[in-house]
Amino acid sequence: MTDDDAQIIRRENDDLKRRNAQFQDDVTSLGGQILRMHQELERVSGRRVVAAHGQLSGGE
């Protein structure tokens, strides 16, 4: 392996490390977004259940 080959491999390795770090950040961000969406869905679903019970008991 020549010095040029070693330098190319080091650059590729550094690039892969940067890309891996970015992917890990993206996964963390997506995990947070999923959690917020689940919480929002639970909140909205809870309101629908409460509203449905309120409509039934109010109309009886």
C-alpha atoms as a PDB file:
ATOM      1  CA  MET A   1       0.000   0.000   0.000  1.00  0.00           C
ATOM      2  CA  THR A   2       1.387   3.367  -0.986  1.00  0.00           C
ATOM      3  CA  ASP A   3       1.122   6.603   0.942  1.00  0.00           C
ATOM      4  CA  ASP A   4      -1.457   7.791  -1.589  1.00  0.00           C
ATOM      5  CA  ASP A   5      -3.563   4.682  -0.978  1.00  0.00           C
ATOM      6  CA  ALA A   6      -3.341   5.171   2.779  1.00  0.00           C
ATOM      7  CA  GLN A   7      -4.359   8.820   2.436  1.00  0.00           C
ATOM      8  CA  ILE A   8      -7.369   7.871   0.296  1.00  0.00           C
ATOM      9  CA  ILE A   9      -8.428   5.254   2.843  1.00  0.00           C
ATOM     10  CA  ARG A  10      -8.081   7.763   5.712  1.00  0.00           C
ATOM     11  CA  ARG A  11     -10.230  10.297   3.841  1.00  0.00           C
ATOM     12  CA  GLU A  12     -12.864   7.668   3.112  1.00  0.00           C
ATOM     13  CA  ASN A  13     -12.801   6.563   6.751  1.00  0.00           C
ATOM     14  CA  ASP A  14     -13.219  10.144   7.964  1.00  0.00           C
ATOM     15  CA  ASP A  15     -16.115  10.636   5.542  1.00  0.00           C
ATOM     16  CA  LEU A  16     -17.789   7.452   6.757  1.00  0.00           C
ATOM     17  CA  LYS A  17     -17.386   8.541  10.372  1.00  0.00           C
ATOM     18  CA  ARG A  18     -19.039  11.903   9.575  1.00  0.00           C
ATOM     19  CA  ARG A  19     -21.876  10.202   7.718  1.00  0.00           C
ATOM     20  CA  ASN A  20     -22.391   7.727  10.559  1.00  0.00           C
ATOM     21  CA  ALA A  21     -22.542  10.579  13.085  1.00  0.00           C
ATOM     22  CA  GLN A  22     -25.111  12.374  10.916  1.00  0.00           C
ATOM     23  CA  PHE A  23     -27.207   9.212  10.622  1.00  0.00           C
ATOM     24  CA  GLN A  24     -27.114   8.755  14.385  1.00  0.00           C
ATOM     25  CA  ASP A  25     -28.259  12.372  14.863  1.00  0.00           C
ATOM     26  CA  ASP A  26     -31.049  11.798  12.330  1.00  0.00           C
ATOM     27  CA  VAL A  27     -32.219   8.640  14.118  1.00  0.00           C
ATOM     28  CA  THR A  28     -32.237  10.458  17.462  1.00  0.00           C
ATOM     29  CA  SER A  29     -34.226  13.309  15.947  1.00  0.00           C
ATOM     30  CA  LEU A  30     -36.723  10.943  14.336  1.00  0.00           C
ATOM     31  CA  GLY A  31     -37.131   9.106  17.635  1.00  0.00           C
ATOM     32  CA  GLY A  32     -38.038  12.389  19.313  1.00  0.00           C
ATOM     33  CA  GLN A  33     -40.504  13.237  16.558  1.00  0.00           C
ATOM     34  CA  ILE A  34     -42.148   9.817  16.862  1.00  0.00           C
ATOM     35  CA  LEU A  35     -42.512  10.284  20.614  1.00  0.00           C
ATOM     36  CA  ARG A  36     -44.117  13.713  20.132  1.00  0.00           C
ATOM     37  CA  MET A  37     -46.494  12.317  17.506  1.00  0.00           C
ATOM     38  CA  HIS A  38     -47.539   9.472  19.833  1.00  0.00           C
ATOM     39  CA  GLN A  39     -48.181  11.987  22.613  1.00  0.00           C
ATOM     40  CA  GLU A  40     -50.197  14.202  20.273  1.00  0.00           C
ATOM     41  CA  LEU A  41     -52.195  11.214  19.038  1.00  0.00           C
ATOM     42  CA  GLU A  42     -52.967  10.166  22.613  1.00  0.00           C
ATOM     43  CA  ARG A  43     -53.988  13.723  23.465  1.00  0.00           C
ATOM     44  CA  VAL A  44     -56.268  14.018  20.422  1.00  0.00           C
ATOM     45  CA  SER A  45     -57.718  10.530  20.924  1.00  0.00           C
ATOM     46  CA  GLY A  46     -58.409  11.345  24.562  1.00  0.00           C
ATOM     47  CA  ARG A  47     -60.288  14.479  23.553  1.00  0.00           C
ATOM     48  CA  ARG A  48     -62.406  12.487  21.108  1.00  0.00           C
ATOM     49  CA  VAL A  49     -63.295   9.946  23.782  1.00  0.00           C
ATOM     50  CA  VAL A  50     -64.174  12.684  26.264  1.00  0.00           C
ATOM     51  CA  ALA A  51     -66.198  14.566  23.635  1.00  0.00           C
ATOM     52  CA  ALA A  52     -68.065  11.399  22.625  1.00  0.00           C
ATOM     53  CA  HIS A  53     -68.947  10.622  26.248  1.00  0.00           C
ATOM     54  CA  GLY A  54     -69.979  14.205  26.809  1.00  0.00           C
ATOM     55  CA  GLN A  55     -72.278  14.184  23.798  1.00  0.00           C
ATOM     56  CA  LEU A  56     -73.934  10.943  24.865  1.00  0.00           C
ATOM     57  CA  SER A  57     -74.515  11.964  28.458  1.00  0.00           C
ATOM     58  CA  GLY A  58     -75.627  15.447  27.530  1.00  0.00           C
ATOM     59  CA  GLY A  59     -78.180  14.178  25.025  1.00  0.00           C
ATOM     60  CA  GLU A  60     -79.720  11.501  27.229  1.00  0.00           C
END
